[in-house]
Amino acid sequence: LPNAVQSEIVVTANFREWRHVIALRGRADAQWEIRRTIIEILKILKERAPTVFEDFEIDGGRQLVLHAGDAGERGKD
């Protein structure tokens, strides 16, 4: 939207799709604005479906998402 106009949207996806998007867009090499949005989405999903998203961890200091299957991200700064 032009001129940073605020807008509300509704997004629907199944857990598999959310897991894929979070793993892809929560990484250190993702664009920072989408990564920040993904972190907020993950917080909500972990609250509503903790078992499904228990293998994702939010690194608040570096503002990225760590995934148990992606050990390489844990050592990066």
PDB file of N, CA and C in Angstrom:
ATOM      1  N   LEU A   1       0.830  -1.179   0.000  1.00  0.00           N
ATOM      2  CA  LEU A   1       0.000   0.000   0.000  1.00  0.00           C
ATOM      3  C   LEU A   1       0.880   1.249   0.000  1.00  0.00           C
ATOM      4  N   PRO A   2       0.434   2.287  -0.659  1.00  0.00           N
ATOM      5  CA  PRO A   2       1.257   3.501  -0.730  1.00  0.00           C
ATOM      6  C   PRO A   2       1.309   4.254   0.595  1.00  0.00           C
ATOM      7  N   ASN A   3       2.387   4.972   0.799  1.00  0.00           N
ATOM      8  CA  ASN A   3       2.551   5.866   1.949  1.00  0.00           C
ATOM      9  C   ASN A   3       2.368   5.179   3.295  1.00  0.00           C
ATOM     10  N   ALA A   4       2.749   3.930   3.380  1.00  0.00           N
ATOM     11  CA  ALA A   4       2.695   3.173   4.634  1.00  0.00           C
ATOM     12  C   ALA A   4       1.304   3.190   5.270  1.00  0.00           C
ATOM     13  N   VAL A   5       0.285   3.054   4.447  1.00  0.00           N
ATOM     14  CA  VAL A   5      -1.090   3.018   4.935  1.00  0.00           C
ATOM     15  C   VAL A   5      -1.306   1.712   5.687  1.00  0.00           C
ATOM     16  N   GLN A   6      -1.831   1.816   6.902  1.00  0.00           N
ATOM     17  CA  GLN A   6      -2.092   0.619   7.700  1.00  0.00           C
ATOM     18  C   GLN A   6      -3.331  -0.080   7.171  1.00  0.00           C
ATOM     19  N   SER A   7      -3.254  -1.401   7.126  1.00  0.00           N
ATOM     20  CA  SER A   7      -4.373  -2.196   6.645  1.00  0.00           C
ATOM     21  C   SER A   7      -4.445  -3.490   7.439  1.00  0.00           C
ATOM     22  N   GLU A   8      -5.640  -4.004   7.630  1.00  0.00           N
ATOM     23  CA  GLU A   8      -5.809  -5.285   8.304  1.00  0.00           C
ATOM     24  C   GLU A   8      -6.072  -6.355   7.254  1.00  0.00           C
ATOM     25  N   ILE A   9      -5.495  -7.545   7.481  1.00  0.00           N
ATOM     26  CA  ILE A   9      -5.707  -8.651   6.563  1.00  0.00           C
ATOM     27  C   ILE A   9      -6.055  -9.899   7.366  1.00  0.00           C
ATOM     28  N   VAL A  10      -6.652 -10.851   6.686  1.00  0.00           N
ATOM     29  CA  VAL A  10      -6.940 -12.150   7.274  1.00  0.00           C
ATOM     30  C   VAL A  10      -6.205 -13.182   6.434  1.00  0.00           C
ATOM     31  N   VAL A  11      -5.448 -14.047   7.098  1.00  0.00           N
ATOM     32  CA  VAL A  11      -4.670 -15.071   6.402  1.00  0.00           C
ATOM     33  C   VAL A  11      -5.065 -16.426   6.970  1.00  0.00           C
ATOM     34  N   THR A  12      -5.284 -17.382   6.089  1.00  0.00           N
ATOM     35  CA  THR A  12      -5.574 -18.740   6.550  1.00  0.00           C
ATOM     36  C   THR A  12      -4.563 -19.702   5.947  1.00  0.00           C
ATOM     37  N   ALA A  13      -4.198 -20.703   6.732  1.00  0.00           N
ATOM     38  CA  ALA A  13      -3.267 -21.736   6.265  1.00  0.00           C
ATOM     39  C   ALA A  13      -3.374 -22.920   7.216  1.00  0.00           C
ATOM     40  N   ASN A  14      -2.974 -24.082   6.743  1.00  0.00           N
ATOM     41  CA  ASN A  14      -2.950 -25.232   7.644  1.00  0.00           C
ATOM     42  C   ASN A  14      -1.603 -25.272   8.358  1.00  0.00           C
ATOM     43  N   PHE A  15      -1.457 -26.166   9.330  1.00  0.00           N
ATOM     44  CA  PHE A  15      -0.222 -26.220  10.119  1.00  0.00           C
ATOM     45  C   PHE A  15       1.002 -26.511   9.257  1.00  0.00           C
ATOM     46  N   ARG A  16       0.867 -27.388   8.275  1.00  0.00           N
ATOM     47  CA  ARG A  16       2.001 -27.707   7.410  1.00  0.00           C
ATOM     48  C   ARG A  16       2.492 -26.454   6.691  1.00  0.00           C
ATOM     49  N   GLU A  17       1.564 -25.675   6.165  1.00  0.00           N
ATOM     50  CA  GLU A  17       1.936 -24.442   5.464  1.00  0.00           C
ATOM     51  C   GLU A  17       2.582 -23.432   6.407  1.00  0.00           C
ATOM     52  N   TRP A  18       2.024 -23.278   7.620  1.00  0.00           N
ATOM     53  CA  TRP A  18       2.614 -22.349   8.593  1.00  0.00           C
ATOM     54  C   TRP A  18       4.024 -22.781   8.974  1.00  0.00           C
ATOM     55  N   ARG A  19       4.218 -24.088   9.180  1.00  0.00           N
ATOM     56  CA  ARG A  19       5.553 -24.583   9.532  1.00  0.00           C
ATOM     57  C   ARG A  19       6.554 -24.263   8.418  1.00  0.00           C
ATOM     58  N   HIS A  20       6.135 -24.428   7.176  1.00  0.00           N
ATOM     59  CA  HIS A  20       7.016 -24.143   6.043  1.00  0.00           C
ATOM     60  C   HIS A  20       7.365 -22.648   5.989  1.00  0.00           C
ATOM     61  N   VAL A  21       6.362 -21.795   6.109  1.00  0.00           N
ATOM     62  CA  VAL A  21       6.589 -20.346   6.045  1.00  0.00           C
ATOM     63  C   VAL A  21       7.482 -19.885   7.200  1.00  0.00           C
ATOM     64  N   ILE A  22       7.225 -20.401   8.395  1.00  0.00           N
ATOM     65  CA  ILE A  22       8.030 -20.019   9.563  1.00  0.00           C
ATOM     66  C   ILE A  22       9.478 -20.454   9.388  1.00  0.00           C
ATOM     67  N   ALA A  23       9.688 -21.680   8.924  1.00  0.00           N
ATOM     68  CA  ALA A  23      11.054 -22.175   8.716  1.00  0.00           C
ATOM     69  C   ALA A  23      11.785 -21.358   7.654  1.00  0.00           C
ATOM     70  N   LEU A  24      11.069 -20.933   6.630  1.00  0.00           N
ATOM     71  CA  LEU A  24      11.683 -20.193   5.531  1.00  0.00           C
ATOM     72  C   LEU A  24      11.898 -18.718   5.871  1.00  0.00           C
ATOM     73  N   ARG A  25      10.903 -18.081   6.436  1.00  0.00           N
ATOM     74  CA  ARG A  25      10.937 -16.628   6.658  1.00  0.00           C
ATOM     75  C   ARG A  25      11.379 -16.209   8.053  1.00  0.00           C
ATOM     76  N   GLY A  26      11.652 -17.172   8.925  1.00  0.00           N
ATOM     77  CA  GLY A  26      12.153 -16.836  10.251  1.00  0.00           C
ATOM     78  C   GLY A  26      13.662 -16.914  10.351  1.00  0.00           C
ATOM     79  N   ARG A  27      14.311 -17.302   9.264  1.00  0.00           N
ATOM     80  CA  ARG A  27      15.768 -17.489   9.247  1.00  0.00           C
ATOM     81  C   ARG A  27      16.521 -16.154   9.227  1.00  0.00           C
ATOM     82  N   ALA A  28      17.786 -16.224   9.539  1.00  0.00           N
ATOM     83  CA  ALA A  28      18.632 -15.022   9.586  1.00  0.00           C
ATOM     84  C   ALA A  28      18.750 -14.336   8.228  1.00  0.00           C
ATOM     85  N   ASP A  29      18.646 -15.094   7.136  1.00  0.00           N
ATOM     86  CA  ASP A  29      18.800 -14.496   5.811  1.00  0.00           C
ATOM     87  C   ASP A  29      17.481 -13.974   5.234  1.00  0.00           C
ATOM     88  N   ALA A  30      16.394 -14.048   5.992  1.00  0.00           N
ATOM     89  CA  ALA A  30      15.113 -13.504   5.537  1.00  0.00           C
ATOM     90  C   ALA A  30      15.082 -11.993   5.777  1.00  0.00           C
ATOM     91  N   GLN A  31      14.270 -11.298   5.019  1.00  0.00           N
ATOM     92  CA  GLN A  31      14.133  -9.856   5.153  1.00  0.00           C
ATOM     93  C   GLN A  31      13.599  -9.529   6.551  1.00  0.00           C
ATOM     94  N   TRP A  32      14.157  -8.545   7.213  1.00  0.00           N
ATOM     95  CA  TRP A  32      13.890  -8.306   8.636  1.00  0.00           C
ATOM     96  C   TRP A  32      12.434  -7.996   8.941  1.00  0.00           C
ATOM     97  N   GLU A  33      11.725  -7.310   8.049  1.00  0.00           N
ATOM     98  CA  GLU A  33      10.328  -6.969   8.336  1.00  0.00           C
ATOM     99  C   GLU A  33       9.431  -8.209   8.330  1.00  0.00           C
ATOM    100  N   ILE A  34       9.619  -9.090   7.358  1.00  0.00           N
ATOM    101  CA  ILE A  34       8.817 -10.311   7.326  1.00  0.00           C
ATOM    102  C   ILE A  34       9.224 -11.226   8.477  1.00  0.00           C
ATOM    103  N   ARG A  35      10.517 -11.238   8.817  1.00  0.00           N
ATOM    104  CA  ARG A  35      10.982 -12.063   9.940  1.00  0.00           C
ATOM    105  C   ARG A  35      10.329 -11.606  11.247  1.00  0.00           C
ATOM    106  N   ARG A  36      10.227 -10.321  11.440  1.00  0.00           N
ATOM    107  CA  ARG A  36       9.576  -9.782  12.640  1.00  0.00           C
ATOM    108  C   ARG A  36       8.093 -10.173  12.675  1.00  0.00           C
ATOM    109  N   THR A  37       7.440 -10.140  11.529  1.00  0.00           N
ATOM    110  CA  THR A  37       6.037 -10.550  11.438  1.00  0.00           C
ATOM    111  C   THR A  37       5.887 -12.032  11.731  1.00  0.00           C
ATOM    112  N   ILE A  38       6.785 -12.849  11.184  1.00  0.00           N
ATOM    113  CA  ILE A  38       6.741 -14.296  11.406  1.00  0.00           C
ATOM    114  C   ILE A  38       6.936 -14.623  12.885  1.00  0.00           C
ATOM    115  N   ILE A  39       7.793 -13.898  13.567  1.00  0.00           N
ATOM    116  CA  ILE A  39       8.000 -14.127  15.002  1.00  0.00           C
ATOM    117  C   ILE A  39       6.706 -13.883  15.768  1.00  0.00           C
ATOM    118  N   GLU A  40       5.987 -12.830  15.423  1.00  0.00           N
ATOM    119  CA  GLU A  40       4.713 -12.548  16.092  1.00  0.00           C
ATOM    120  C   GLU A  40       3.681 -13.631  15.786  1.00  0.00           C
ATOM    121  N   ILE A  41       3.648 -14.109  14.548  1.00  0.00           N
ATOM    122  CA  ILE A  41       2.738 -15.201  14.180  1.00  0.00           C
ATOM    123  C   ILE A  41       3.100 -16.463  14.947  1.00  0.00           C
ATOM    124  N   LEU A  42       4.387 -16.761  15.042  1.00  0.00           N
ATOM    125  CA  LEU A  42       4.826 -17.957  15.761  1.00  0.00           C
ATOM    126  C   LEU A  42       4.439 -17.893  17.240  1.00  0.00           C
ATOM    127  N   LYS A  43       4.533 -16.732  17.840  1.00  0.00           N
ATOM    128  CA  LYS A  43       4.125 -16.592  19.246  1.00  0.00           C
ATOM    129  C   LYS A  43       2.662 -17.007  19.423  1.00  0.00           C
ATOM    130  N   ILE A  44       1.812 -16.581  18.518  1.00  0.00           N
ATOM    131  CA  ILE A  44       0.389 -16.926  18.585  1.00  0.00           C
ATOM    132  C   ILE A  44       0.189 -18.416  18.349  1.00  0.00           C
ATOM    133  N   LEU A  45       0.866 -18.960  17.339  1.00  0.00           N
ATOM    134  CA  LEU A  45       0.707 -20.377  17.023  1.00  0.00           C
ATOM    135  C   LEU A  45       1.229 -21.270  18.145  1.00  0.00           C
ATOM    136  N   LYS A  46       2.339 -20.887  18.770  1.00  0.00           N
ATOM    137  CA  LYS A  46       2.875 -21.680  19.890  1.00  0.00           C
ATOM    138  C   LYS A  46       1.918 -21.660  21.081  1.00  0.00           C
ATOM    139  N   GLU A  47       1.198 -20.581  21.240  1.00  0.00           N
ATOM    140  CA  GLU A  47       0.221 -20.478  22.321  1.00  0.00           C
ATOM    141  C   GLU A  47      -1.009 -21.351  22.034  1.00  0.00           C
ATOM    142  N   ARG A  48      -1.437 -21.365  20.772  1.00  0.00           N
ATOM    143  CA  ARG A  48      -2.662 -22.088  20.407  1.00  0.00           C
ATOM    144  C   ARG A  48      -2.429 -23.561  20.096  1.00  0.00           C
ATOM    145  N   ALA A  49      -1.252 -23.897  19.585  1.00  0.00           N
ATOM    146  CA  ALA A  49      -0.934 -25.290  19.220  1.00  0.00           C
ATOM    147  C   ALA A  49       0.507 -25.593  19.614  1.00  0.00           C
ATOM    148  N   PRO A  50       0.812 -25.630  20.903  1.00  0.00           N
ATOM    149  CA  PRO A  50       2.201 -25.766  21.359  1.00  0.00           C
ATOM    150  C   PRO A  50       2.893 -27.042  20.884  1.00  0.00           C
ATOM    151  N   THR A  51       2.185 -28.134  20.802  1.00  0.00           N
ATOM    152  CA  THR A  51       2.804 -29.394  20.380  1.00  0.00           C
ATOM    153  C   THR A  51       3.252 -29.336  18.924  1.00  0.00           C
ATOM    154  N   VAL A  52       2.459 -28.699  18.083  1.00  0.00           N
ATOM    155  CA  VAL A  52       2.763 -28.632  16.649  1.00  0.00           C
ATOM    156  C   VAL A  52       4.002 -27.783  16.385  1.00  0.00           C
ATOM    157  N   PHE A  53       4.224 -26.759  17.204  1.00  0.00           N
ATOM    158  CA  PHE A  53       5.316 -25.813  16.956  1.00  0.00           C
ATOM    159  C   PHE A  53       6.401 -25.854  18.030  1.00  0.00           C
ATOM    160  N   GLU A  54       6.447 -26.931  18.804  1.00  0.00           N
ATOM    161  CA  GLU A  54       7.413 -27.019  19.903  1.00  0.00           C
ATOM    162  C   GLU A  54       8.864 -27.086  19.434  1.00  0.00           C
ATOM    163  N   ASP A  55       9.105 -27.479  18.182  1.00  0.00           N
ATOM    164  CA  ASP A  55      10.474 -27.574  17.678  1.00  0.00           C
ATOM    165  C   ASP A  55      10.994 -26.247  17.124  1.00  0.00           C
ATOM    166  N   PHE A  56      10.182 -25.196  17.177  1.00  0.00           N
ATOM    167  CA  PHE A  56      10.615 -23.857  16.794  1.00  0.00           C
ATOM    168  C   PHE A  56      10.894 -23.055  18.061  1.00  0.00           C
ATOM    169  N   GLU A  57      11.971 -22.296  18.028  1.00  0.00           N
ATOM    170  CA  GLU A  57      12.369 -21.477  19.174  1.00  0.00           C
ATOM    171  C   GLU A  57      12.625 -20.057  18.683  1.00  0.00           C
ATOM    172  N   ILE A  58      12.181 -19.082  19.439  1.00  0.00           N
ATOM    173  CA  ILE A  58      12.391 -17.680  19.075  1.00  0.00           C
ATOM    174  C   ILE A  58      13.632 -17.171  19.791  1.00  0.00           C
ATOM    175  N   ASP A  59      14.591 -16.680  19.012  1.00  0.00           N
ATOM    176  CA  ASP A  59      15.791 -16.054  19.566  1.00  0.00           C
ATOM    177  C   ASP A  59      15.529 -14.551  19.572  1.00  0.00           C
ATOM    178  N   GLY A  60      15.076 -14.044  20.705  1.00  0.00           N
ATOM    179  CA  GLY A  60      14.705 -12.640  20.801  1.00  0.00           C
ATOM    180  C   GLY A  60      15.861 -11.683  20.605  1.00  0.00           C
ATOM    181  N   GLY A  61      17.042 -12.076  21.037  1.00  0.00           N
ATOM    182  CA  GLY A  61      18.207 -11.208  20.903  1.00  0.00           C
ATOM    183  C   GLY A  61      18.587 -10.948  19.459  1.00  0.00           C
ATOM    184  N   ARG A  62      18.530 -11.993  18.653  1.00  0.00           N
ATOM    185  CA  ARG A  62      18.885 -11.857  17.234  1.00  0.00           C
ATOM    186  C   ARG A  62      17.658 -11.694  16.345  1.00  0.00           C
ATOM    187  N   GLN A  63      16.470 -11.732  16.945  1.00  0.00           N
ATOM    188  CA  GLN A  63      15.210 -11.596  16.219  1.00  0.00           C
ATOM    189  C   GLN A  63      15.116 -12.566  15.043  1.00  0.00           C
ATOM    190  N   LEU A  64      15.248 -13.863  15.354  1.00  0.00           N
ATOM    191  CA  LEU A  64      15.065 -14.886  14.340  1.00  0.00           C
ATOM    192  C   LEU A  64      14.483 -16.132  14.966  1.00  0.00           C
ATOM    193  N   VAL A  65      14.042 -17.046  14.102  1.00  0.00           N
ATOM    194  CA  VAL A  65      13.436 -18.295  14.547  1.00  0.00           C
ATOM    195  C   VAL A  65      14.442 -19.412  14.347  1.00  0.00           C
ATOM    196  N   LEU A  66      14.650 -20.195  15.396  1.00  0.00           N
ATOM    197  CA  LEU A  66      15.526 -21.359  15.316  1.00  0.00           C
ATOM    198  C   LEU A  66      14.654 -22.597  15.230  1.00  0.00           C
ATOM    199  N   HIS A  67      15.048 -23.521  14.377  1.00  0.00           N
ATOM    200  CA  HIS A  67      14.304 -24.770  14.207  1.00  0.00           C
ATOM    201  C   HIS A  67      15.211 -25.911  14.612  1.00  0.00           C
ATOM    202  N   ALA A  68      14.672 -26.870  15.343  1.00  0.00           N
ATOM    203  CA  ALA A  68      15.468 -28.000  15.839  1.00  0.00           C
ATOM    204  C   ALA A  68      16.187 -28.722  14.707  1.00  0.00           C
ATOM    205  N   GLY A  69      15.613 -28.749  13.520  1.00  0.00           N
ATOM    206  CA  GLY A  69      16.230 -29.438  12.392  1.00  0.00           C
ATOM    207  C   GLY A  69      17.255 -28.607  11.650  1.00  0.00           C
ATOM    208  N   ASP A  70      17.499 -27.385  12.090  1.00  0.00           N
ATOM    209  CA  ASP A  70      18.414 -26.478  11.393  1.00  0.00           C
ATOM    210  C   ASP A  70      19.528 -26.046  12.336  1.00  0.00           C
ATOM    211  N   ALA A  71      20.361 -26.985  12.743  1.00  0.00           N
ATOM    212  CA  ALA A  71      21.417 -26.729  13.729  1.00  0.00           C
ATOM    213  C   ALA A  71      22.408 -25.670  13.267  1.00  0.00           C
ATOM    214  N   GLY A  72      22.581 -25.482  11.971  1.00  0.00           N
ATOM    215  CA  GLY A  72      23.530 -24.505  11.452  1.00  0.00           C
ATOM    216  C   GLY A  72      23.201 -23.077  11.837  1.00  0.00           C
ATOM    217  N   GLU A  73      21.936 -22.750  12.021  1.00  0.00           N
ATOM    218  CA  GLU A  73      21.534 -21.393  12.384  1.00  0.00           C
ATOM    219  C   GLU A  73      21.925 -21.051  13.810  1.00  0.00           C
ATOM    220  N   ARG A  74      22.016 -22.036  14.688  1.00  0.00           N
ATOM    221  CA  ARG A  74      22.269 -21.777  16.104  1.00  0.00           C
ATOM    222  C   ARG A  74      23.635 -21.139  16.346  1.00  0.00           C
ATOM    223  N   GLY A  75      24.597 -21.434  15.514  1.00  0.00           N
ATOM    224  CA  GLY A  75      25.933 -20.905  15.730  1.00  0.00           C
ATOM    225  C   GLY A  75      26.207 -19.590  15.034  1.00  0.00           C
ATOM    226  N   LYS A  76      25.284 -19.125  14.184  1.00  0.00           N
ATOM    227  CA  LYS A  76      25.509 -17.899  13.418  1.00  0.00           C
ATOM    228  C   LYS A  76      25.192 -16.672  14.250  1.00  0.00           C
ATOM    229  N   ASP A  77      25.928 -15.599  13.986  1.00  0.00           N
ATOM    230  CA  ASP A  77      25.635 -14.306  14.630  1.00  0.00           C
ATOM    231  C   ASP A  77      25.424 -13.250  13.596  1.00  0.00           C
TER     232      ASP A  77
END
